[in-house]
Amino acid sequence: MPSYRFIIADDHPLFRDALRQSLAASYENVDITEAGSLDEVITILEGAGPFDLVLLDLKMPGVQGLAGLAFLRAQFPDTPTIVVSATEEPPVMRRAIDLGASGFVPKSTPVGVIRAAVAEVLKGEIWLPADIAGSGSSDHETDEIARKIATLTPQQVRVLMMLREGLLNKQIAYGLGVSEATVKAHVSAVLQKLGVESRTQAVIAAGRIDGDRSYDS
């Protein structure tokens, strides 16, 4: 029996391999599965679970930044997730925790510190870089958006992600295998929970939690 079961989710094979070797050296009989997209992660969790930990990159196919994290946490709330990302923006790190991540590890972090972060999360702790953990946030409005997104159901998060792709209701319905009426109901629920009045405003809100203000006036 493996001591732990991990998923390393990143679309860069070299980084996955380096992280795999680091973790394999730390745990005996560890079972490590690799994924290169969010869909692959979901398929693995649905078909080969349970896992003790997912190490998730925010910028790989299907993830869409923190929205992908929100979907993963809503769909699999019992599987701890550490974000391992090139992003080093403190607000994004804290919002990841607000959205249910158990840790945030910048890719520039030394191997020994990554191992320590994984060990802490496996003990049920939350891990952030030392210079981030005790700092506050100056963007309370965007932090509140992250907390609202965390209240969405898995299907509502998926609809929000598809709205960000610019898909129409009929395209979303086809992709999810549901009726357009169901999609409309999900969109209405998303707008209500986010406290916005239009699809465009919902898309802007979802982008802001990743530090994207390109649509702001």
C-alpha atoms as a PDB file:
ATOM      1  CA  MET A   1       0.000   0.000   0.000  1.00  0.00           C
ATOM      2  CA  PRO A   2       1.354   3.479  -0.874  1.00  0.00           C
ATOM      3  CA  SER A   3       2.033   5.835   2.009  1.00  0.00           C
ATOM      4  CA  TYR A   4       0.445   8.755   0.145  1.00  0.00           C
ATOM      5  CA  ARG A   5      -1.212   9.394  -3.210  1.00  0.00           C
ATOM      6  CA  PHE A   6      -0.455  12.680  -4.983  1.00  0.00           C
ATOM      7  CA  ILE A   7      -1.496  14.290  -8.265  1.00  0.00           C
ATOM      8  CA  ILE A   8       0.967  16.696  -9.863  1.00  0.00           C
ATOM      9  CA  ALA A   9      -1.029  18.881 -12.254  1.00  0.00           C
ATOM     10  CA  ASP A  10       1.139  20.997 -14.552  1.00  0.00           C
ATOM     11  CA  ASP A  11       1.442  21.230 -18.325  1.00  0.00           C
ATOM     12  CA  HIS A  12       5.252  21.361 -18.254  1.00  0.00           C
ATOM     13  CA  PRO A  13       6.651  17.788 -18.182  1.00  0.00           C
ATOM     14  CA  LEU A  14      10.079  18.898 -16.948  1.00  0.00           C
ATOM     15  CA  PHE A  15       8.588  20.652 -13.931  1.00  0.00           C
ATOM     16  CA  ARG A  16       6.322  17.685 -13.208  1.00  0.00           C
ATOM     17  CA  ASP A  17       9.317  15.372 -13.327  1.00  0.00           C
ATOM     18  CA  ALA A  18      11.377  17.563 -11.003  1.00  0.00           C
ATOM     19  CA  LEU A  19       8.534  17.801  -8.498  1.00  0.00           C
ATOM     20  CA  ARG A  20       7.887  14.067  -8.756  1.00  0.00           C
ATOM     21  CA  GLN A  21      11.530  13.278  -7.960  1.00  0.00           C
ATOM     22  CA  SER A  22      11.512  15.653  -5.014  1.00  0.00           C
ATOM     23  CA  LEU A  23       8.388  14.137  -3.479  1.00  0.00           C
ATOM     24  CA  ALA A  24       9.415  10.557  -4.236  1.00  0.00           C
ATOM     25  CA  ALA A  25      12.610  11.172  -2.282  1.00  0.00           C
ATOM     26  CA  SER A  26      10.597  12.348   0.718  1.00  0.00           C
ATOM     27  CA  TYR A  27       7.976   9.602   1.041  1.00  0.00           C
ATOM     28  CA  GLU A  28       8.330   5.832   0.826  1.00  0.00           C
ATOM     29  CA  ASN A  29       6.023   3.971  -1.544  1.00  0.00           C
ATOM     30  CA  VAL A  30       4.352   7.224  -2.613  1.00  0.00           C
ATOM     31  CA  ASP A  31       1.921   6.947  -5.538  1.00  0.00           C
ATOM     32  CA  ILE A  32       2.300   9.983  -7.830  1.00  0.00           C
ATOM     33  CA  THR A  33       0.017  10.548 -10.825  1.00  0.00           C
ATOM     34  CA  GLU A  34       0.662  13.322 -13.351  1.00  0.00           C
ATOM     35  CA  ALA A  35      -1.860  15.471 -15.237  1.00  0.00           C
ATOM     36  CA  GLY A  36      -1.423  18.159 -17.877  1.00  0.00           C
ATOM     37  CA  SER A  37      -4.884  19.754 -17.821  1.00  0.00           C
ATOM     38  CA  LEU A  38      -7.799  20.361 -15.489  1.00  0.00           C
ATOM     39  CA  ASP A  39      -9.896  17.789 -17.337  1.00  0.00           C
ATOM     40  CA  GLU A  40      -7.208  15.183 -16.721  1.00  0.00           C
ATOM     41  CA  VAL A  41      -7.195  16.007 -13.005  1.00  0.00           C
ATOM     42  CA  ILE A  42     -10.968  15.620 -12.814  1.00  0.00           C
ATOM     43  CA  THR A  43     -10.879  12.315 -14.700  1.00  0.00           C
ATOM     44  CA  ILE A  44      -8.191  10.964 -12.371  1.00  0.00           C
ATOM     45  CA  LEU A  45     -10.020  12.042  -9.215  1.00  0.00           C
ATOM     46  CA  GLU A  46     -13.308  10.605 -10.444  1.00  0.00           C
ATOM     47  CA  GLY A  47     -11.848   7.310 -11.606  1.00  0.00           C
ATOM     48  CA  ALA A  48      -8.859   6.576  -9.418  1.00  0.00           C
ATOM     49  CA  GLY A  49      -9.500   8.419  -6.150  1.00  0.00           C
ATOM     50  CA  PRO A  50      -9.144   9.100  -3.345  1.00  0.00           C
ATOM     51  CA  PHE A  51      -5.899  11.091  -3.294  1.00  0.00           C
ATOM     52  CA  ASP A  52      -4.164  12.754  -0.371  1.00  0.00           C
ATOM     53  CA  LEU A  53      -3.086  15.872  -2.233  1.00  0.00           C
ATOM     54  CA  VAL A  54      -3.287  17.723  -5.557  1.00  0.00           C
ATOM     55  CA  LEU A  55      -0.461  20.062  -6.525  1.00  0.00           C
ATOM     56  CA  LEU A  56      -2.074  22.422  -9.030  1.00  0.00           C
ATOM     57  CA  ASP A  57      -0.591  24.890 -11.488  1.00  0.00           C
ATOM     58  CA  LEU A  58      -2.868  27.872 -12.181  1.00  0.00           C
ATOM     59  CA  LYS A  59      -1.793  28.293 -15.800  1.00  0.00           C
ATOM     60  CA  MET A  60      -2.440  25.063 -17.657  1.00  0.00           C
ATOM     61  CA  PRO A  61      -5.228  24.046 -20.060  1.00  0.00           C
ATOM     62  CA  GLY A  62      -8.679  24.400 -18.534  1.00  0.00           C
ATOM     63  CA  VAL A  63      -7.670  25.913 -15.219  1.00  0.00           C
ATOM     64  CA  GLN A  64      -8.303  29.640 -15.880  1.00  0.00           C
ATOM     65  CA  GLY A  65      -6.422  30.750 -12.796  1.00  0.00           C
ATOM     66  CA  LEU A  66      -8.240  30.765  -9.482  1.00  0.00           C
ATOM     67  CA  ALA A  67     -11.566  29.895 -11.129  1.00  0.00           C
ATOM     68  CA  GLY A  68     -10.159  26.440 -11.880  1.00  0.00           C
ATOM     69  CA  LEU A  69      -9.079  26.101  -8.264  1.00  0.00           C
ATOM     70  CA  ALA A  70     -12.583  27.091  -7.149  1.00  0.00           C
ATOM     71  CA  PHE A  71     -14.090  24.421  -9.399  1.00  0.00           C
ATOM     72  CA  LEU A  72     -11.722  21.738  -8.144  1.00  0.00           C
ATOM     73  CA  ARG A  73     -12.413  22.604  -4.499  1.00  0.00           C
ATOM     74  CA  ALA A  74     -16.173  22.682  -5.060  1.00  0.00           C
ATOM     75  CA  GLN A  75     -16.127  19.357  -6.899  1.00  0.00           C
ATOM     76  CA  PHE A  76     -13.682  17.567  -4.583  1.00  0.00           C
ATOM     77  CA  PRO A  77     -13.803  19.343  -1.205  1.00  0.00           C
ATOM     78  CA  ASP A  78     -12.186  16.442   0.657  1.00  0.00           C
ATOM     79  CA  THR A  79      -8.998  16.472  -1.441  1.00  0.00           C
ATOM     80  CA  PRO A  80      -6.462  19.049  -0.204  1.00  0.00           C
ATOM     81  CA  THR A  81      -4.923  21.218  -2.912  1.00  0.00           C
ATOM     82  CA  ILE A  82      -1.663  23.144  -2.971  1.00  0.00           C
ATOM     83  CA  VAL A  83      -1.275  25.731  -5.709  1.00  0.00           C
ATOM     84  CA  VAL A  84       2.220  25.551  -7.213  1.00  0.00           C
ATOM     85  CA  SER A  85       2.475  28.538  -9.523  1.00  0.00           C
ATOM     86  CA  ALA A  86       4.871  30.985 -11.147  1.00  0.00           C
ATOM     87  CA  THR A  87       2.622  33.726  -9.755  1.00  0.00           C
ATOM     88  CA  GLU A  88       4.128  35.443  -6.724  1.00  0.00           C
ATOM     89  CA  GLU A  89       1.536  38.148  -6.127  1.00  0.00           C
ATOM     90  CA  PRO A  90       0.544  38.170  -2.426  1.00  0.00           C
ATOM     91  CA  PRO A  91      -3.141  39.022  -3.088  1.00  0.00           C
ATOM     92  CA  VAL A  92      -3.485  36.063  -5.465  1.00  0.00           C
ATOM     93  CA  MET A  93      -1.897  33.765  -2.880  1.00  0.00           C
ATOM     94  CA  ARG A  94      -4.306  34.860  -0.160  1.00  0.00           C
ATOM     95  CA  ARG A  95      -7.317  34.545  -2.470  1.00  0.00           C
ATOM     96  CA  ALA A  96      -6.264  31.009  -3.292  1.00  0.00           C
ATOM     97  CA  ILE A  97      -6.573  30.225   0.414  1.00  0.00           C
ATOM     98  CA  ASP A  98      -9.971  31.976   0.513  1.00  0.00           C
ATOM     99  CA  LEU A  99     -11.055  29.673  -2.330  1.00  0.00           C
ATOM    100  CA  GLY A 100     -10.104  26.578  -0.377  1.00  0.00           C
ATOM    101  CA  ALA A 101      -6.460  25.895  -1.216  1.00  0.00           C
ATOM    102  CA  SER A 102      -4.431  24.410   1.620  1.00  0.00           C
ATOM    103  CA  GLY A 103      -1.270  26.121   0.467  1.00  0.00           C
ATOM    104  CA  PHE A 104       0.371  28.303  -2.164  1.00  0.00           C
ATOM    105  CA  VAL A 105       3.936  27.554  -3.233  1.00  0.00           C
ATOM    106  CA  PRO A 106       5.686  29.794  -5.800  1.00  0.00           C
ATOM    107  CA  LYS A 107       7.659  27.778  -8.369  1.00  0.00           C
ATOM    108  CA  SER A 108      10.779  29.700  -7.366  1.00  0.00           C
ATOM    109  CA  THR A 109      10.600  28.091  -3.904  1.00  0.00           C
ATOM    110  CA  PRO A 110      13.605  25.896  -2.983  1.00  0.00           C
ATOM    111  CA  VAL A 111      12.974  22.153  -3.049  1.00  0.00           C
ATOM    112  CA  GLY A 112      13.425  21.799   0.691  1.00  0.00           C
ATOM    113  CA  VAL A 113      10.763  24.408   1.368  1.00  0.00           C
ATOM    114  CA  ILE A 114       8.348  22.734  -1.065  1.00  0.00           C
ATOM    115  CA  ARG A 115       8.806  19.485   0.829  1.00  0.00           C
ATOM    116  CA  ALA A 116       8.135  21.290   4.114  1.00  0.00           C
ATOM    117  CA  ALA A 117       4.990  22.880   2.653  1.00  0.00           C
ATOM    118  CA  VAL A 118       3.662  19.488   1.543  1.00  0.00           C
ATOM    119  CA  ALA A 119       4.398  18.011   4.972  1.00  0.00           C
ATOM    120  CA  GLU A 120       2.502  20.833   6.698  1.00  0.00           C
ATOM    121  CA  VAL A 121      -0.548  20.447   4.448  1.00  0.00           C
ATOM    122  CA  LEU A 122      -0.593  16.677   4.961  1.00  0.00           C
ATOM    123  CA  LYS A 123      -0.831  17.414   8.696  1.00  0.00           C
ATOM    124  CA  GLY A 124      -3.910  19.534   8.035  1.00  0.00           C
ATOM    125  CA  GLU A 125      -2.187  22.912   8.200  1.00  0.00           C
ATOM    126  CA  ILE A 126      -2.330  25.876   5.797  1.00  0.00           C
ATOM    127  CA  TRP A 127       0.964  26.887   4.189  1.00  0.00           C
ATOM    128  CA  LEU A 128       1.976  30.225   2.678  1.00  0.00           C
ATOM    129  CA  PRO A 129       5.414  31.787   2.222  1.00  0.00           C
ATOM    130  CA  ALA A 130       6.599  33.286   5.497  1.00  0.00           C
ATOM    131  CA  ASP A 131       6.561  36.850   4.181  1.00  0.00           C
ATOM    132  CA  ILE A 132       2.954  36.440   2.995  1.00  0.00           C
ATOM    133  CA  ALA A 133       1.308  34.514   5.827  1.00  0.00           C
ATOM    134  CA  GLY A 134       1.171  37.399   8.266  1.00  0.00           C
ATOM    135  CA  SER A 135       0.416  40.208   5.836  1.00  0.00           C
ATOM    136  CA  GLY A 136      -2.973  41.735   5.222  1.00  0.00           C
ATOM    137  CA  SER A 137      -4.761  42.686   2.013  1.00  0.00           C
ATOM    138  CA  SER A 138      -5.445  46.178   0.743  1.00  0.00           C
ATOM    139  CA  ASP A 139      -7.999  45.109  -1.876  1.00  0.00           C
ATOM    140  CA  HIS A 140     -10.955  44.065   0.226  1.00  0.00           C
ATOM    141  CA  GLU A 141     -13.393  44.365  -2.678  1.00  0.00           C
ATOM    142  CA  THR A 142     -11.568  41.760  -4.759  1.00  0.00           C
ATOM    143  CA  ASP A 143     -11.050  39.553  -1.705  1.00  0.00           C
ATOM    144  CA  GLU A 144     -14.814  39.619  -1.228  1.00  0.00           C
ATOM    145  CA  ILE A 145     -15.310  38.522  -4.845  1.00  0.00           C
ATOM    146  CA  ALA A 146     -13.091  35.499  -4.143  1.00  0.00           C
ATOM    147  CA  ARG A 147     -15.172  34.618  -1.098  1.00  0.00           C
ATOM    148  CA  LYS A 148     -18.347  34.870  -3.172  1.00  0.00           C
ATOM    149  CA  ILE A 149     -16.923  32.632  -5.894  1.00  0.00           C
ATOM    150  CA  ALA A 150     -16.146  30.090  -3.182  1.00  0.00           C
ATOM    151  CA  THR A 151     -19.918  29.816  -2.521  1.00  0.00           C
ATOM    152  CA  LEU A 152     -20.685  28.681  -6.093  1.00  0.00           C
ATOM    153  CA  THR A 153     -21.572  25.059  -6.770  1.00  0.00           C
ATOM    154  CA  PRO A 154     -19.289  23.022  -9.072  1.00  0.00           C
ATOM    155  CA  GLN A 155     -21.696  23.445 -11.998  1.00  0.00           C
ATOM    156  CA  GLN A 156     -22.004  27.183 -11.370  1.00  0.00           C
ATOM    157  CA  VAL A 157     -18.218  27.561 -11.352  1.00  0.00           C
ATOM    158  CA  ARG A 158     -18.027  25.577 -14.579  1.00  0.00           C
ATOM    159  CA  VAL A 159     -20.608  27.894 -16.166  1.00  0.00           C
ATOM    160  CA  LEU A 160     -18.638  30.929 -14.984  1.00  0.00           C
ATOM    161  CA  MET A 161     -15.487  29.487 -16.551  1.00  0.00           C
ATOM    162  CA  MET A 162     -17.328  28.929 -19.831  1.00  0.00           C
ATOM    163  CA  LEU A 163     -18.652  32.491 -19.727  1.00  0.00           C
ATOM    164  CA  ARG A 164     -15.023  33.623 -19.481  1.00  0.00           C
ATOM    165  CA  GLU A 165     -14.371  31.709 -22.699  1.00  0.00           C
ATOM    166  CA  GLY A 166     -17.050  33.817 -24.378  1.00  0.00           C
ATOM    167  CA  LEU A 167     -19.431  30.914 -24.968  1.00  0.00           C
ATOM    168  CA  LEU A 168     -23.148  31.437 -25.595  1.00  0.00           C
ATOM    169  CA  ASN A 169     -25.827  29.676 -23.556  1.00  0.00           C
ATOM    170  CA  LYS A 170     -26.444  27.105 -26.274  1.00  0.00           C
ATOM    171  CA  GLN A 171     -22.720  26.330 -26.456  1.00  0.00           C
ATOM    172  CA  ILE A 172     -22.506  25.978 -22.685  1.00  0.00           C
ATOM    173  CA  ALA A 173     -25.574  23.724 -22.713  1.00  0.00           C
ATOM    174  CA  TYR A 174     -23.974  21.505 -25.353  1.00  0.00           C
ATOM    175  CA  GLY A 175     -20.705  21.348 -23.457  1.00  0.00           C
ATOM    176  CA  LEU A 176     -22.362  20.422 -20.172  1.00  0.00           C
ATOM    177  CA  GLY A 177     -25.005  18.156 -21.681  1.00  0.00           C
ATOM    178  CA  VAL A 178     -27.895  20.139 -20.183  1.00  0.00           C
ATOM    179  CA  SER A 179     -30.731  22.279 -21.505  1.00  0.00           C
ATOM    180  CA  GLU A 180     -30.426  25.989 -22.255  1.00  0.00           C
ATOM    181  CA  ALA A 181     -33.011  26.614 -19.553  1.00  0.00           C
ATOM    182  CA  THR A 182     -30.719  24.947 -17.039  1.00  0.00           C
ATOM    183  CA  VAL A 183     -27.814  27.090 -18.207  1.00  0.00           C
ATOM    184  CA  LYS A 184     -29.914  30.242 -17.840  1.00  0.00           C
ATOM    185  CA  ALA A 185     -30.776  29.203 -14.285  1.00  0.00           C
ATOM    186  CA  HIS A 186     -27.090  28.669 -13.509  1.00  0.00           C
ATOM    187  CA  VAL A 187     -26.124  32.020 -15.016  1.00  0.00           C
ATOM    188  CA  SER A 188     -28.800  33.777 -12.938  1.00  0.00           C
ATOM    189  CA  ALA A 189     -27.537  32.067  -9.798  1.00  0.00           C
ATOM    190  CA  VAL A 190     -23.956  33.077 -10.579  1.00  0.00           C
ATOM    191  CA  LEU A 191     -24.936  36.717 -11.097  1.00  0.00           C
ATOM    192  CA  GLN A 192     -26.933  36.727  -7.867  1.00  0.00           C
ATOM    193  CA  LYS A 193     -24.170  35.163  -5.770  1.00  0.00           C
ATOM    194  CA  LEU A 194     -21.520  37.485  -7.193  1.00  0.00           C
ATOM    195  CA  GLY A 195     -23.767  40.518  -6.757  1.00  0.00           C
ATOM    196  CA  VAL A 196     -23.456  41.606 -10.396  1.00  0.00           C
ATOM    197  CA  GLU A 197     -26.034  42.429 -13.047  1.00  0.00           C
ATOM    198  CA  SER A 198     -24.588  41.051 -16.269  1.00  0.00           C
ATOM    199  CA  ARG A 199     -22.503  38.258 -17.738  1.00  0.00           C
ATOM    200  CA  THR A 200     -19.804  40.785 -18.603  1.00  0.00           C
ATOM    201  CA  GLN A 201     -19.573  41.949 -15.003  1.00  0.00           C
ATOM    202  CA  ALA A 202     -19.306  38.320 -13.844  1.00  0.00           C
ATOM    203  CA  VAL A 203     -16.428  37.728 -16.272  1.00  0.00           C
ATOM    204  CA  ILE A 204     -14.666  40.875 -15.062  1.00  0.00           C
ATOM    205  CA  ALA A 205     -15.104  39.788 -11.439  1.00  0.00           C
ATOM    206  CA  ALA A 206     -13.644  36.347 -12.171  1.00  0.00           C
ATOM    207  CA  GLY A 207     -10.656  37.963 -13.863  1.00  0.00           C
ATOM    208  CA  ARG A 208     -10.012  40.364 -11.006  1.00  0.00           C
ATOM    209  CA  ILE A 209      -9.304  37.615  -8.486  1.00  0.00           C
ATOM    210  CA  ASP A 210      -6.319  36.628 -10.671  1.00  0.00           C
ATOM    211  CA  GLY A 211      -5.060  40.206 -10.638  1.00  0.00           C
ATOM    212  CA  ASP A 212      -6.484  40.897 -14.127  1.00  0.00           C
ATOM    213  CA  ARG A 213      -7.813  44.449 -14.278  1.00  0.00           C
ATOM    214  CA  SER A 214      -7.679  44.770 -18.061  1.00  0.00           C
ATOM    215  CA  TYR A 215     -11.445  45.320 -18.211  1.00  0.00           C
ATOM    216  CA  ASP A 216     -11.579  47.870 -15.407  1.00  0.00           C
ATOM    217  CA  SER A 217     -12.548  51.417 -16.318  1.00  0.00           C
END
